[in-house]
Protein backbone atom coordinates (compact mmCIF):
# COMPACT_ATOMS: atom_id res chain seq x y z
CA UNK A 1 40.68 -33.29 -36.81
CA UNK A 2 43.44 -34.87 -34.74
CA UNK A 3 45.05 -38.17 -35.78
CA UNK A 4 47.12 -39.94 -33.14
CA UNK A 5 49.88 -42.36 -34.18
CA UNK A 6 51.21 -44.14 -31.06
CA UNK A 7 54.47 -46.05 -30.61
CA UNK A 8 55.71 -45.33 -34.12
CA UNK A 9 59.27 -46.53 -33.41
CA UNK A 10 58.23 -50.05 -34.46
CA UNK A 11 57.02 -48.90 -37.89
CA UNK A 12 58.89 -45.62 -38.22
CA UNK A 13 59.28 -45.60 -42.03
CA UNK A 14 55.65 -46.49 -42.66
CA UNK A 15 54.39 -44.00 -40.06
CA UNK A 16 56.61 -41.25 -41.61
CA UNK A 17 55.34 -41.91 -45.08
CA UNK A 18 51.70 -41.86 -43.87
CA UNK A 19 52.24 -38.69 -41.84
CA UNK A 20 53.93 -36.95 -44.78
CA UNK A 21 51.15 -37.88 -47.19
CA UNK A 22 48.45 -36.67 -44.74
CA UNK A 23 50.42 -33.48 -44.15
CA UNK A 24 50.54 -32.79 -47.90
CA UNK A 25 47.00 -33.80 -48.86
CA UNK A 26 44.92 -33.01 -45.77
CA UNK A 27 46.19 -29.77 -44.17
CA UNK A 28 43.20 -29.61 -41.84
CA UNK A 29 44.37 -32.79 -40.09
CA UNK A 30 46.74 -32.44 -37.17
CA UNK A 31 48.92 -35.39 -36.31
CA UNK A 32 50.26 -36.33 -32.88
CA UNK A 33 52.81 -39.13 -33.18
CA UNK A 34 54.59 -40.75 -30.25
CA UNK A 35 57.90 -42.43 -30.87
CA UNK A 36 61.36 -42.80 -29.39
CA UNK A 37 62.72 -41.18 -32.55
CA UNK A 38 61.52 -38.44 -34.85
CA UNK A 39 59.69 -39.16 -38.09
CA UNK A 40 61.95 -36.72 -39.98
CA UNK A 41 59.14 -35.37 -42.22
CA UNK A 42 58.18 -31.94 -43.37
CA UNK A 43 56.23 -29.98 -40.86
CA UNK A 44 57.31 -32.06 -37.86
CA UNK A 45 57.76 -30.34 -34.50
CA UNK A 46 59.64 -32.56 -32.00
CA UNK A 47 58.82 -32.21 -28.27
CA UNK A 48 60.95 -34.36 -25.99
CA UNK A 49 59.02 -35.83 -23.06
CA UNK A 50 60.55 -36.54 -19.71
CA UNK A 51 60.06 -40.14 -18.53
CA UNK A 52 57.36 -40.37 -15.86
CA UNK A 53 59.41 -42.71 -13.75
CA UNK A 54 57.85 -45.26 -11.42
CA UNK A 55 56.17 -44.79 -8.09
CA UNK A 56 58.28 -45.42 -5.03
CA UNK A 57 58.14 -48.91 -3.66
CA UNK A 58 55.96 -49.45 -0.69
CA UNK A 59 57.79 -51.04 2.18
CA UNK A 60 56.62 -54.62 2.96
CA UNK A 61 55.59 -55.15 6.54
CA UNK A 62 57.20 -58.07 8.45
CA UNK A 63 53.77 -59.74 8.67
CA UNK A 64 53.25 -59.46 4.95
CA UNK A 65 56.79 -60.68 4.25
CA UNK A 66 56.18 -63.89 6.35
CA UNK A 67 52.86 -64.46 4.50
CA UNK A 68 54.57 -64.15 1.10
CA UNK A 69 57.46 -66.38 2.28
CA UNK A 70 55.03 -69.10 3.48
CA UNK A 71 52.98 -68.90 0.23
CA UNK A 72 56.09 -69.26 -1.91
CA UNK A 73 57.63 -72.04 0.05
CA UNK A 74 54.45 -74.12 -0.20
CA UNK A 75 54.95 -74.13 -3.97
CA UNK A 76 58.68 -74.08 -4.64
CA UNK A 77 58.27 -74.44 -8.41
CA UNK A 78 56.39 -71.12 -8.68
CA UNK A 79 58.23 -67.90 -7.77
CA UNK A 80 56.28 -64.71 -7.76
CA UNK A 81 57.85 -61.31 -8.43
CA UNK A 82 57.00 -60.36 -4.86
CA UNK A 83 58.98 -63.33 -3.53
CA UNK A 84 61.88 -62.52 -5.74
CA UNK A 85 61.91 -58.99 -4.38
CA UNK A 86 62.23 -60.32 -0.85
CA UNK A 87 65.49 -62.09 -1.59
């Protein structure tokens, strides 16, 4: 059986205690925990993951840029992330 504990950094102490207890009492269970820091428990094997990064930004065509500009100027109180990127 595989148990996945995701984003443990928010509850690192609780996740570590849970993983350690399962490790001791249920040796047939494998645990995959994701966290920005290790759990520091017996039997832990740490594998550092390389950040995936973000996809390259797609260039905005002049036509699309004008459309975004017109849409944002018609409602000056609302600024979209796309409009902010144009400035």
